[in-house]
């Protein structure tokens, strides 16, 4: 069916799901991606899907979860919004993936040099983009580790720190705003973890300390 066609997805643990993503990202970095037969996958997935992971990521065209984790059709339930913001519609999508499709892990993934984060650092406002910036502003205002007084997009350290903090805050938003996901977390049926993708290396850095496993 897909990359994990020989696995019992119902019995995957959140840690199993994370391990699969880590291994896939390693293959991506080393350019050793698995062969995939998309024709057969399309046939097998015509009437059913059981993605093992749900990923809330940025809409950036350079951050395609299926590619950077070396997965394929039916493996990842991908929710993508600029700045990987956990608005209610995004949270609803994650609820659907975990409760009804059986996803075992939620990954909230930012990335280096994020345009949305930079815009938030500069208090950018224009059209509906402003609504996204509002959801990123808490990370900007609460970032306190940057010593340089220049707190804007020209300061790469500040942008990076805001990016990491934003991932943490979006995870907290998910947990605070979803009874469904909180219940699944309490029962250890799913896990949630933050991550940041690095453009230069291709590596996804997972925040193991703040995971719910």
N, C-alpha and C. Protein backbone atom coordinates (compact mmCIF):
# COMPACT_ATOMS: atom_id res chain seq x y z
N UNK A 1 0.83 -1.20 0.00
CA UNK A 1 0.00 0.00 0.00
C UNK A 1 0.87 1.26 0.00
N UNK A 2 1.84 1.29 0.88
CA UNK A 2 2.68 2.47 1.04
C UNK A 2 3.99 2.04 1.67
N UNK A 3 4.75 3.00 2.15
CA UNK A 3 6.04 2.69 2.73
C UNK A 3 5.94 1.66 3.84
N UNK A 4 4.85 1.68 4.59
CA UNK A 4 4.70 0.80 5.74
C UNK A 4 3.68 -0.31 5.48
N UNK A 5 3.60 -0.77 4.25
CA UNK A 5 2.54 -1.71 3.88
C UNK A 5 2.60 -3.00 4.69
N UNK A 6 3.76 -3.36 5.20
CA UNK A 6 3.88 -4.62 5.94
C UNK A 6 3.76 -4.42 7.45
N UNK A 7 3.41 -3.22 7.88
CA UNK A 7 3.30 -2.93 9.31
C UNK A 7 1.85 -2.89 9.75
N UNK A 8 1.61 -3.29 10.97
CA UNK A 8 0.28 -3.20 11.59
C UNK A 8 0.14 -1.80 12.17
N UNK A 9 -0.46 -0.91 11.44
CA UNK A 9 -0.53 0.49 11.86
C UNK A 9 -1.36 0.68 13.12
N UNK A 10 -2.35 -0.19 13.31
CA UNK A 10 -3.18 -0.07 14.51
C UNK A 10 -2.35 -0.22 15.78
N UNK A 11 -1.29 -1.01 15.71
CA UNK A 11 -0.49 -1.30 16.90
C UNK A 11 0.82 -0.52 16.96
N UNK A 12 0.99 0.44 16.07
CA UNK A 12 2.15 1.31 16.17
C UNK A 12 2.02 2.18 17.42
N UNK A 13 3.11 2.39 18.12
CA UNK A 13 3.12 3.32 19.24
C UNK A 13 3.57 4.69 18.74
N UNK A 14 3.32 5.75 19.51
CA UNK A 14 3.84 7.06 19.12
C UNK A 14 5.36 7.05 18.91
N UNK A 15 6.08 6.30 19.75
CA UNK A 15 7.53 6.21 19.59
C UNK A 15 7.89 5.50 18.30
N UNK A 16 7.13 4.46 17.94
CA UNK A 16 7.36 3.77 16.66
C UNK A 16 7.21 4.76 15.50
N UNK A 17 6.17 5.57 15.57
CA UNK A 17 5.91 6.53 14.50
C UNK A 17 7.04 7.55 14.40
N UNK A 18 7.53 8.02 15.56
CA UNK A 18 8.65 8.96 15.55
C UNK A 18 9.89 8.31 14.96
N UNK A 19 10.16 7.08 15.32
CA UNK A 19 11.33 6.38 14.80
C UNK A 19 11.28 6.28 13.28
N UNK A 20 10.10 6.02 12.75
CA UNK A 20 9.95 5.92 11.29
C UNK A 20 10.27 7.25 10.62
N UNK A 21 9.82 8.34 11.22
CA UNK A 21 10.10 9.66 10.67
C UNK A 21 11.59 9.99 10.73
N UNK A 22 12.21 9.66 11.85
CA UNK A 22 13.65 9.92 12.01
C UNK A 22 14.45 9.13 10.97
N UNK A 23 14.11 7.87 10.80
CA UNK A 23 14.80 7.04 9.81
C UNK A 23 14.59 7.56 8.39
N UNK A 24 13.36 8.00 8.11
CA UNK A 24 13.07 8.54 6.78
C UNK A 24 13.84 9.81 6.50
N UNK A 25 13.94 10.69 7.51
CA UNK A 25 14.70 11.92 7.33
C UNK A 25 16.18 11.62 7.11
N UNK A 26 16.68 10.59 7.77
CA UNK A 26 18.08 10.18 7.56
C UNK A 26 18.29 9.73 6.12
N UNK A 27 17.35 8.98 5.56
CA UNK A 27 17.46 8.55 4.16
C UNK A 27 17.43 9.77 3.24
N UNK A 28 16.58 10.73 3.55
CA UNK A 28 16.47 11.95 2.74
C UNK A 28 17.80 12.70 2.74
N UNK A 29 18.41 12.86 3.90
CA UNK A 29 19.67 13.59 4.01
C UNK A 29 20.76 12.88 3.21
N UNK A 30 20.76 11.55 3.27
CA UNK A 30 21.79 10.76 2.59
C UNK A 30 21.44 10.45 1.14
N UNK A 31 20.30 10.95 0.68
CA UNK A 31 19.84 10.72 -0.69
C UNK A 31 19.71 9.23 -1.00
N UNK A 32 19.12 8.49 -0.04
CA UNK A 32 18.92 7.05 -0.19
C UNK A 32 17.43 6.70 -0.05
N UNK A 33 16.60 7.49 -0.71
CA UNK A 33 15.16 7.30 -0.59
C UNK A 33 14.72 5.93 -1.10
N UNK A 34 13.65 5.42 -0.49
CA UNK A 34 13.12 4.13 -0.89
C UNK A 34 12.42 4.23 -2.25
N UNK A 35 12.45 3.13 -3.01
CA UNK A 35 11.71 3.08 -4.26
C UNK A 35 10.21 3.04 -3.95
N UNK A 36 9.43 3.67 -4.79
CA UNK A 36 7.99 3.73 -4.57
C UNK A 36 7.25 3.46 -5.88
N UNK A 37 6.24 2.61 -5.81
CA UNK A 37 5.40 2.31 -6.96
C UNK A 37 4.08 3.07 -6.79
N UNK A 38 4.01 4.25 -7.38
CA UNK A 38 2.85 5.11 -7.16
C UNK A 38 1.57 4.56 -7.78
N UNK A 39 1.69 3.84 -8.88
CA UNK A 39 0.50 3.27 -9.51
C UNK A 39 -0.19 2.29 -8.56
N UNK A 40 0.59 1.39 -7.96
CA UNK A 40 0.02 0.42 -7.02
C UNK A 40 -0.51 1.11 -5.78
N UNK A 41 0.19 2.14 -5.35
CA UNK A 41 -0.26 2.87 -4.16
C UNK A 41 -1.60 3.54 -4.40
N UNK A 42 -1.76 4.15 -5.56
CA UNK A 42 -3.03 4.81 -5.86
C UNK A 42 -4.18 3.80 -5.83
N UNK A 43 -3.96 2.62 -6.38
CA UNK A 43 -4.99 1.59 -6.38
C UNK A 43 -5.34 1.17 -4.95
N UNK A 44 -4.31 0.93 -4.15
CA UNK A 44 -4.54 0.43 -2.79
C UNK A 44 -5.20 1.48 -1.90
N UNK A 45 -4.96 2.74 -2.20
CA UNK A 45 -5.46 3.81 -1.34
C UNK A 45 -6.73 4.47 -1.86
N UNK A 46 -7.33 3.90 -2.88
CA UNK A 46 -8.48 4.54 -3.49
C UNK A 46 -9.63 4.73 -2.51
N UNK A 47 -9.84 3.77 -1.63
CA UNK A 47 -11.00 3.80 -0.74
C UNK A 47 -10.65 3.83 0.74
N UNK A 48 -9.38 3.95 1.07
CA UNK A 48 -8.99 3.91 2.48
C UNK A 48 -7.68 4.66 2.68
N UNK A 49 -7.54 5.26 3.86
CA UNK A 49 -6.26 5.85 4.24
C UNK A 49 -6.04 5.64 5.72
N UNK A 50 -4.79 5.45 6.11
CA UNK A 50 -4.44 5.27 7.52
C UNK A 50 -3.06 5.88 7.76
N UNK A 51 -2.96 7.21 7.66
CA UNK A 51 -1.67 7.87 7.86
C UNK A 51 -1.16 7.65 9.28
N UNK A 52 0.09 7.26 9.41
CA UNK A 52 0.62 6.97 10.75
C UNK A 52 1.02 8.24 11.49
N UNK A 53 1.20 9.36 10.75
CA UNK A 53 1.63 10.62 11.37
C UNK A 53 0.81 11.78 10.83
N UNK A 54 0.54 12.75 11.69
CA UNK A 54 -0.08 14.01 11.30
C UNK A 54 0.94 15.12 11.53
N UNK A 55 1.16 15.93 10.53
CA UNK A 55 2.18 16.97 10.64
C UNK A 55 1.57 18.33 10.37
N UNK A 56 1.68 19.22 11.36
CA UNK A 56 1.31 20.62 11.18
C UNK A 56 2.57 21.37 10.80
N UNK A 57 2.68 21.72 9.52
CA UNK A 57 3.89 22.35 9.03
C UNK A 57 3.59 23.66 8.33
N UNK A 58 4.64 24.31 7.92
CA UNK A 58 4.53 25.57 7.19
C UNK A 58 4.18 25.29 5.73
N UNK A 59 3.55 26.27 5.08
CA UNK A 59 3.17 26.14 3.68
C UNK A 59 4.36 26.33 2.73
N UNK A 60 5.51 26.69 3.25
CA UNK A 60 6.69 26.94 2.43
C UNK A 60 6.89 25.81 1.41
N UNK A 61 7.09 26.19 0.16
CA UNK A 61 7.19 25.21 -0.93
C UNK A 61 8.40 24.30 -0.82
N UNK A 62 9.36 24.68 0.03
CA UNK A 62 10.58 23.89 0.19
C UNK A 62 10.49 22.88 1.32
N UNK A 63 9.33 22.82 1.98
CA UNK A 63 9.19 21.95 3.15
C UNK A 63 8.03 20.98 2.92
N UNK A 64 8.24 19.99 2.11
CA UNK A 64 7.21 18.99 1.82
C UNK A 64 7.44 17.78 2.73
N UNK A 65 6.57 17.54 3.72
CA UNK A 65 6.80 16.47 4.70
C UNK A 65 7.03 15.10 4.08
N UNK A 66 6.26 14.75 3.05
CA UNK A 66 6.43 13.43 2.44
C UNK A 66 7.83 13.24 1.88
N UNK A 67 8.44 14.32 1.42
CA UNK A 67 9.78 14.23 0.84
C UNK A 67 10.85 14.20 1.92
N UNK A 68 10.79 15.13 2.86
CA UNK A 68 11.88 15.22 3.83
C UNK A 68 11.87 14.07 4.83
N UNK A 69 10.73 13.35 4.92
CA UNK A 69 10.68 12.15 5.77
C UNK A 69 10.67 10.87 4.93
N UNK A 70 10.87 10.99 3.63
CA UNK A 70 10.89 9.85 2.72
C UNK A 70 9.69 8.94 2.93
N UNK A 71 8.52 9.52 2.93
CA UNK A 71 7.28 8.76 2.99
C UNK A 71 6.54 8.95 1.68
N UNK A 72 5.33 8.41 1.60
CA UNK A 72 4.64 8.48 0.32
C UNK A 72 3.13 8.60 0.53
N UNK A 73 2.36 8.35 -0.51
CA UNK A 73 0.91 8.48 -0.44
C UNK A 73 0.36 7.65 0.71
N UNK A 74 -0.50 8.26 1.51
CA UNK A 74 -1.16 7.53 2.58
C UNK A 74 -0.40 7.44 3.89
N UNK A 75 0.81 7.98 3.94
CA UNK A 75 1.62 7.86 5.15
C UNK A 75 1.47 9.04 6.10
N UNK A 76 1.35 10.25 5.55
CA UNK A 76 1.34 11.46 6.36
C UNK A 76 0.09 12.28 6.08
N UNK A 77 -0.60 12.67 7.16
CA UNK A 77 -1.72 13.60 7.06
C UNK A 77 -1.13 14.98 7.25
N UNK A 78 -1.03 15.74 6.17
CA UNK A 78 -0.28 16.99 6.18
C UNK A 78 -1.21 18.19 6.27
N UNK A 79 -1.04 18.98 7.34
CA UNK A 79 -1.79 20.22 7.54
C UNK A 79 -0.77 21.35 7.44
N UNK A 80 -0.94 22.20 6.43
CA UNK A 80 0.09 23.21 6.19
C UNK A 80 -0.49 24.61 6.14
N UNK A 81 0.08 25.47 6.99
CA UNK A 81 -0.29 26.88 7.04
C UNK A 81 0.98 27.69 7.26
N UNK A 82 1.06 28.86 6.67
CA UNK A 82 2.23 29.70 6.88
C UNK A 82 2.49 29.87 8.37
N UNK A 83 3.72 29.66 8.78
CA UNK A 83 4.07 29.80 10.19
C UNK A 83 3.65 28.63 11.05
N UNK A 84 3.19 27.53 10.41
CA UNK A 84 2.71 26.33 11.13
C UNK A 84 1.85 26.70 12.34
N UNK A 85 0.86 27.57 12.08
CA UNK A 85 0.02 28.07 13.16
C UNK A 85 -1.13 27.10 13.45
N UNK A 86 -1.41 26.91 14.73
CA UNK A 86 -2.47 26.00 15.16
C UNK A 86 -3.77 26.77 15.34
N UNK A 87 -4.33 27.25 14.24
CA UNK A 87 -5.65 27.86 14.30
C UNK A 87 -6.68 26.73 14.51
N UNK A 88 -7.90 27.09 14.77
CA UNK A 88 -8.90 26.07 15.09
C UNK A 88 -9.16 25.13 13.91
N UNK A 89 -9.11 25.63 12.70
CA UNK A 89 -9.32 24.77 11.54
C UNK A 89 -8.19 23.76 11.41
N UNK A 90 -6.97 24.19 11.71
CA UNK A 90 -5.84 23.26 11.68
C UNK A 90 -5.98 22.21 12.77
N UNK A 91 -6.39 22.64 13.95
CA UNK A 91 -6.57 21.70 15.07
C UNK A 91 -7.66 20.70 14.74
N UNK A 92 -8.74 21.16 14.11
CA UNK A 92 -9.80 20.25 13.71
C UNK A 92 -9.30 19.19 12.74
N UNK A 93 -8.41 19.58 11.84
CA UNK A 93 -7.83 18.62 10.91
C UNK A 93 -6.99 17.58 11.64
N UNK A 94 -6.24 18.02 12.63
CA UNK A 94 -5.43 17.10 13.42
C UNK A 94 -6.31 16.15 14.22
N UNK A 95 -7.40 16.66 14.74
CA UNK A 95 -8.34 15.81 15.47
C UNK A 95 -8.86 14.69 14.56
N UNK A 96 -9.24 15.05 13.35
CA UNK A 96 -9.75 14.08 12.39
C UNK A 96 -8.70 13.01 12.09
N UNK A 97 -7.47 13.44 11.86
CA UNK A 97 -6.41 12.50 11.53
C UNK A 97 -6.15 11.51 12.65
N UNK A 98 -6.13 12.01 13.88
CA UNK A 98 -5.77 11.14 15.00
C UNK A 98 -6.95 10.28 15.47
N UNK A 99 -8.13 10.87 15.58
CA UNK A 99 -9.26 10.11 16.12
C UNK A 99 -9.89 9.17 15.11
N UNK A 100 -9.95 9.59 13.85
CA UNK A 100 -10.71 8.82 12.87
C UNK A 100 -9.84 8.11 11.82
N UNK A 101 -8.61 8.56 11.64
CA UNK A 101 -7.73 7.91 10.68
C UNK A 101 -6.61 7.11 11.34
N UNK A 102 -6.44 7.28 12.65
CA UNK A 102 -5.49 6.45 13.38
C UNK A 102 -4.06 6.94 13.43
N UNK A 103 -3.83 8.22 13.16
CA UNK A 103 -2.46 8.73 13.26
C UNK A 103 -1.96 8.62 14.71
N UNK A 104 -0.70 8.24 14.87
CA UNK A 104 -0.14 7.98 16.19
C UNK A 104 0.70 9.12 16.75
N UNK A 105 1.04 10.05 15.88
CA UNK A 105 1.91 11.14 16.34
C UNK A 105 1.52 12.42 15.62
N UNK A 106 1.58 13.53 16.35
CA UNK A 106 1.44 14.86 15.77
C UNK A 106 2.81 15.53 15.85
N UNK A 107 3.30 16.01 14.73
CA UNK A 107 4.55 16.77 14.68
C UNK A 107 4.21 18.20 14.29
N UNK A 108 4.55 19.16 15.14
CA UNK A 108 4.43 20.57 14.78
C UNK A 108 5.81 21.01 14.33
N UNK A 109 5.93 21.34 13.05
CA UNK A 109 7.26 21.53 12.46
C UNK A 109 7.43 22.91 11.84
N UNK A 110 8.36 23.67 12.41
CA UNK A 110 8.79 24.92 11.80
C UNK A 110 9.99 24.67 10.91
N UNK A 111 10.59 25.73 10.42
CA UNK A 111 11.77 25.56 9.58
C UNK A 111 12.65 26.80 9.63
N UNK A 112 13.89 26.63 9.27
CA UNK A 112 14.84 27.74 9.30
C UNK A 112 14.43 28.82 8.30
N UNK A 113 14.78 30.05 8.63
CA UNK A 113 14.59 31.17 7.71
C UNK A 113 13.13 31.31 7.27
N UNK A 114 12.21 31.13 8.19
CA UNK A 114 10.78 31.13 7.88
C UNK A 114 10.28 32.55 7.57
N UNK A 115 9.68 32.74 6.40
CA UNK A 115 9.20 34.06 6.00
C UNK A 115 8.10 34.57 6.89
N UNK A 116 7.21 33.68 7.33
CA UNK A 116 6.12 34.11 8.21
C UNK A 116 6.66 34.57 9.56
N UNK A 117 7.62 33.84 10.08
CA UNK A 117 8.24 34.23 11.36
C UNK A 117 8.95 35.58 11.20
N UNK A 118 9.66 35.76 10.08
CA UNK A 118 10.33 37.04 9.84
C UNK A 118 9.32 38.19 9.78
N UNK A 119 8.21 37.93 9.11
CA UNK A 119 7.18 38.96 9.01
C UNK A 119 6.65 39.32 10.39
N UNK A 120 6.47 38.32 11.24
CA UNK A 120 6.00 38.58 12.60
C UNK A 120 7.04 39.37 13.39
N UNK A 121 8.31 39.04 13.18
CA UNK A 121 9.38 39.76 13.87
C UNK A 121 9.39 41.25 13.48
N UNK A 122 8.91 41.54 12.28
CA UNK A 122 8.87 42.92 11.79
C UNK A 122 7.50 43.57 11.95
N UNK A 123 6.58 42.85 12.62
CA UNK A 123 5.21 43.37 12.80
C UNK A 123 4.55 43.74 11.48
N UNK A 124 4.78 42.92 10.48
CA UNK A 124 4.23 43.15 9.15
C UNK A 124 2.71 43.04 9.16
N UNK A 125 2.05 43.93 8.42
CA UNK A 125 0.59 43.88 8.31
C UNK A 125 0.18 44.15 6.88
N UNK A 126 -0.61 43.25 6.31
CA UNK A 126 -1.19 43.46 4.99
C UNK A 126 -2.24 42.39 4.72
N UNK A 127 -3.43 42.82 4.40
CA UNK A 127 -4.48 41.88 4.03
C UNK A 127 -4.70 40.80 5.08
N UNK A 128 -5.02 39.61 4.61
CA UNK A 128 -5.28 38.49 5.51
C UNK A 128 -4.02 37.90 6.12
N UNK A 129 -2.86 38.30 5.59
CA UNK A 129 -1.60 37.85 6.20
C UNK A 129 -1.54 38.30 7.65
N UNK A 130 -2.17 39.43 7.94
CA UNK A 130 -2.18 39.97 9.30
C UNK A 130 -2.75 38.97 10.29
N UNK A 131 -3.75 38.18 9.87
CA UNK A 131 -4.36 37.19 10.76
C UNK A 131 -3.35 36.11 11.17
N UNK A 132 -2.46 35.75 10.25
CA UNK A 132 -1.41 34.78 10.57
C UNK A 132 -0.40 35.40 11.52
N UNK A 133 -0.01 36.62 11.24
CA UNK A 133 0.97 37.31 12.07
C UNK A 133 0.48 37.40 13.52
N UNK A 134 -0.81 37.63 13.71
CA UNK A 134 -1.36 37.72 15.07
C UNK A 134 -1.12 36.43 15.85
N UNK A 135 -1.20 35.30 15.16
CA UNK A 135 -1.02 34.01 15.82
C UNK A 135 0.46 33.71 16.10
N UNK A 136 1.34 34.46 15.45
CA UNK A 136 2.78 34.29 15.68
C UNK A 136 3.33 35.29 16.69
N UNK A 137 2.59 36.35 16.94
CA UNK A 137 3.09 37.43 17.79
C UNK A 137 3.44 36.99 19.22
N UNK A 138 2.70 36.05 19.84
CA UNK A 138 3.08 35.64 21.19
C UNK A 138 4.51 35.13 21.28
N UNK A 139 4.96 34.40 20.26
CA UNK A 139 6.34 33.90 20.27
C UNK A 139 7.33 35.04 20.14
N UNK A 140 6.98 36.05 19.36
CA UNK A 140 7.87 37.20 19.19
C UNK A 140 7.99 37.97 20.50
N UNK A 141 6.87 38.28 21.12
CA UNK A 141 6.89 39.11 22.32
C UNK A 141 7.46 38.39 23.54
N UNK A 142 7.34 37.05 23.55
CA UNK A 142 7.79 36.28 24.73
C UNK A 142 9.20 35.70 24.57
N UNK A 143 9.83 35.93 23.44
CA UNK A 143 11.20 35.44 23.25
C UNK A 143 12.15 36.33 24.04
N UNK A 144 12.87 35.75 25.00
CA UNK A 144 13.72 36.55 25.90
C UNK A 144 15.19 36.14 25.89
N UNK A 145 15.54 35.13 25.09
CA UNK A 145 16.92 34.64 25.15
C UNK A 145 17.88 35.42 24.26
N UNK A 146 17.35 36.19 23.31
CA UNK A 146 18.21 36.96 22.40
C UNK A 146 18.74 38.19 23.12
N UNK A 147 20.07 38.31 23.21
CA UNK A 147 20.69 39.43 23.91
C UNK A 147 20.80 40.68 23.04
N UNK A 148 20.93 40.49 21.74
CA UNK A 148 21.04 41.61 20.81
C UNK A 148 19.75 42.43 20.84
N UNK A 149 19.84 43.75 21.01
CA UNK A 149 18.63 44.58 21.08
C UNK A 149 17.87 44.68 19.76
N UNK A 150 18.52 44.29 18.67
CA UNK A 150 17.86 44.35 17.36
C UNK A 150 16.93 43.14 17.20
N UNK A 151 15.67 43.33 17.57
CA UNK A 151 14.70 42.24 17.56
C UNK A 151 13.83 42.35 16.31
N UNK A 152 14.41 42.01 15.16
CA UNK A 152 13.67 42.04 13.90
C UNK A 152 14.24 40.99 12.96
N UNK A 153 13.74 40.95 11.73
CA UNK A 153 14.12 39.89 10.79
C UNK A 153 15.57 39.96 10.34
N UNK A 154 16.24 41.08 10.59
CA UNK A 154 17.65 41.18 10.22
C UNK A 154 18.55 40.42 11.20
N UNK A 155 18.01 40.08 12.35
CA UNK A 155 18.76 39.36 13.38
C UNK A 155 18.44 37.87 13.25
N UNK A 156 19.34 37.11 12.63
CA UNK A 156 19.08 35.70 12.36
C UNK A 156 18.92 34.88 13.64
N UNK A 157 19.64 35.26 14.69
CA UNK A 157 19.52 34.55 15.97
C UNK A 157 18.12 34.75 16.55
N UNK A 158 17.63 35.97 16.49
CA UNK A 158 16.30 36.27 17.01
C UNK A 158 15.24 35.50 16.22
N UNK A 159 15.36 35.50 14.90
CA UNK A 159 14.41 34.78 14.04
C UNK A 159 14.40 33.30 14.39
N UNK A 160 15.58 32.72 14.56
CA UNK A 160 15.68 31.30 14.90
C UNK A 160 15.05 31.01 16.26
N UNK A 161 15.33 31.86 17.24
CA UNK A 161 14.77 31.66 18.58
C UNK A 161 13.25 31.77 18.58
N UNK A 162 12.73 32.72 17.81
CA UNK A 162 11.29 32.87 17.70
C UNK A 162 10.68 31.64 17.03
N UNK A 163 11.35 31.13 16.02
CA UNK A 163 10.87 29.94 15.31
C UNK A 163 10.70 28.77 16.27
N UNK A 164 11.72 28.51 17.08
CA UNK A 164 11.67 27.39 18.03
C UNK A 164 10.59 27.63 19.09
N UNK A 165 10.50 28.86 19.58
CA UNK A 165 9.49 29.16 20.60
C UNK A 165 8.08 29.06 20.02
N UNK A 166 7.93 29.47 18.77
CA UNK A 166 6.62 29.39 18.13
C UNK A 166 6.13 27.94 18.04
N UNK A 167 7.03 27.02 17.73
CA UNK A 167 6.65 25.61 17.69
C UNK A 167 6.10 25.18 19.05
N UNK A 168 6.79 25.54 20.12
CA UNK A 168 6.34 25.18 21.47
C UNK A 168 4.96 25.77 21.77
N UNK A 169 4.77 27.03 21.38
CA UNK A 169 3.51 27.70 21.69
C UNK A 169 2.36 27.12 20.87
N UNK A 170 2.63 26.72 19.62
CA UNK A 170 1.56 26.12 18.81
C UNK A 170 1.17 24.75 19.37
N UNK A 171 2.14 24.02 19.89
CA UNK A 171 1.82 22.75 20.56
C UNK A 171 0.91 22.99 21.75
N UNK A 172 1.23 24.00 22.54
CA UNK A 172 0.41 24.31 23.71
C UNK A 172 -0.99 24.72 23.30
N UNK A 173 -1.09 25.46 22.19
CA UNK A 173 -2.41 25.85 21.68
C UNK A 173 -3.24 24.62 21.32
N UNK A 174 -2.59 23.64 20.69
CA UNK A 174 -3.29 22.41 20.31
C UNK A 174 -3.83 21.70 21.55
N UNK A 175 -2.97 21.55 22.53
CA UNK A 175 -3.36 20.84 23.75
C UNK A 175 -4.45 21.59 24.50
N UNK A 176 -4.33 22.91 24.58
CA UNK A 176 -5.30 23.71 25.33
C UNK A 176 -6.67 23.78 24.65
N UNK A 177 -6.68 23.71 23.32
CA UNK A 177 -7.92 23.96 22.59
C UNK A 177 -8.62 22.71 22.09
N UNK A 178 -8.05 21.52 22.36
CA UNK A 178 -8.67 20.31 21.83
C UNK A 178 -8.90 19.27 22.92
N UNK A 179 -10.15 19.10 23.32
CA UNK A 179 -10.48 18.04 24.27
C UNK A 179 -10.21 16.66 23.65
N UNK A 180 -10.46 16.54 22.36
CA UNK A 180 -10.27 15.26 21.67
C UNK A 180 -8.81 14.83 21.72
N UNK A 181 -7.91 15.72 21.35
CA UNK A 181 -6.49 15.37 21.32
C UNK A 181 -5.93 15.22 22.73
N UNK A 182 -6.40 16.03 23.64
CA UNK A 182 -5.94 15.92 25.03
C UNK A 182 -6.32 14.56 25.62
N UNK A 183 -7.51 14.09 25.28
CA UNK A 183 -7.95 12.77 25.74
C UNK A 183 -7.07 11.67 25.16
N UNK A 184 -6.75 11.76 23.87
CA UNK A 184 -5.90 10.76 23.23
C UNK A 184 -4.49 10.79 23.81
N UNK A 185 -4.02 11.98 24.14
CA UNK A 185 -2.70 12.11 24.77
C UNK A 185 -2.70 11.49 26.16
N UNK A 186 -3.74 11.77 26.93
CA UNK A 186 -3.83 11.23 28.29
C UNK A 186 -3.86 9.70 28.27
N UNK A 187 -4.47 9.13 27.25
CA UNK A 187 -4.55 7.68 27.13
C UNK A 187 -3.32 7.06 26.46
N UNK A 188 -2.34 7.92 26.11
CA UNK A 188 -1.10 7.48 25.47
C UNK A 188 -1.34 6.84 24.11
N UNK A 189 -2.46 7.20 23.49
CA UNK A 189 -2.76 6.66 22.16
C UNK A 189 -2.05 7.44 21.06
N UNK A 190 -1.69 8.68 21.38
CA UNK A 190 -0.92 9.50 20.45
C UNK A 190 0.18 10.22 21.23
N UNK A 191 1.13 10.75 20.50
CA UNK A 191 2.14 11.62 21.08
C UNK A 191 2.21 12.90 20.26
N UNK A 192 2.77 13.94 20.84
CA UNK A 192 2.96 15.20 20.11
C UNK A 192 4.37 15.70 20.37
N UNK A 193 4.99 16.22 19.34
CA UNK A 193 6.38 16.64 19.45
C UNK A 193 6.64 17.80 18.51
N UNK A 194 7.54 18.69 18.89
CA UNK A 194 7.93 19.81 18.04
C UNK A 194 9.17 19.47 17.24
N UNK A 195 9.35 20.18 16.14
CA UNK A 195 10.51 19.94 15.29
C UNK A 195 10.79 21.18 14.45
N UNK A 196 12.02 21.30 14.02
CA UNK A 196 12.41 22.39 13.11
C UNK A 196 13.28 21.79 12.01
N UNK A 197 12.91 22.09 10.76
CA UNK A 197 13.64 21.60 9.59
C UNK A 197 14.68 22.62 9.17
N UNK A 198 15.89 22.15 8.91
CA UNK A 198 17.00 23.01 8.49
C UNK A 198 17.21 22.91 7.00
N UNK A 199 17.05 24.02 6.29
CA UNK A 199 17.21 24.01 4.84
C UNK A 199 18.59 23.55 4.39
N UNK A 200 19.61 24.04 5.09
CA UNK A 200 20.99 23.80 4.66
C UNK A 200 21.37 22.33 4.76
N UNK A 201 21.01 21.68 5.87
CA UNK A 201 21.42 20.30 6.09
C UNK A 201 20.38 19.27 5.67
N UNK A 202 19.11 19.69 5.61
CA UNK A 202 18.03 18.75 5.35
C UNK A 202 17.57 18.01 6.58
N UNK A 203 18.17 18.31 7.72
CA UNK A 203 17.85 17.58 8.95
C UNK A 203 16.67 18.20 9.68
N UNK A 204 15.84 17.32 10.25
CA UNK A 204 14.75 17.73 11.12
C UNK A 204 15.21 17.53 12.56
N UNK A 205 15.25 18.61 13.31
CA UNK A 205 15.65 18.55 14.72
C UNK A 205 14.40 18.44 15.58
N UNK A 206 14.24 17.30 16.25
CA UNK A 206 13.08 17.08 17.09
C UNK A 206 13.36 17.55 18.52
N UNK A 207 12.34 18.11 19.15
CA UNK A 207 12.45 18.57 20.54
C UNK A 207 12.02 17.44 21.46
N UNK A 208 12.93 16.53 21.75
CA UNK A 208 12.61 15.36 22.54
C UNK A 208 12.27 15.71 23.99
N UNK A 209 12.83 16.79 24.49
CA UNK A 209 12.59 17.15 25.89
C UNK A 209 11.15 17.55 26.15
N UNK A 210 10.52 18.16 25.16
CA UNK A 210 9.15 18.64 25.34
C UNK A 210 8.11 17.72 24.70
N UNK A 211 8.51 16.53 24.31
CA UNK A 211 7.55 15.59 23.71
C UNK A 211 6.63 15.04 24.79
N UNK A 212 5.52 14.44 24.38
CA UNK A 212 4.55 13.91 25.33
C UNK A 212 4.66 12.40 25.45
N UNK A 213 5.73 11.81 24.98
CA UNK A 213 5.86 10.35 24.99
C UNK A 213 6.19 9.87 26.41
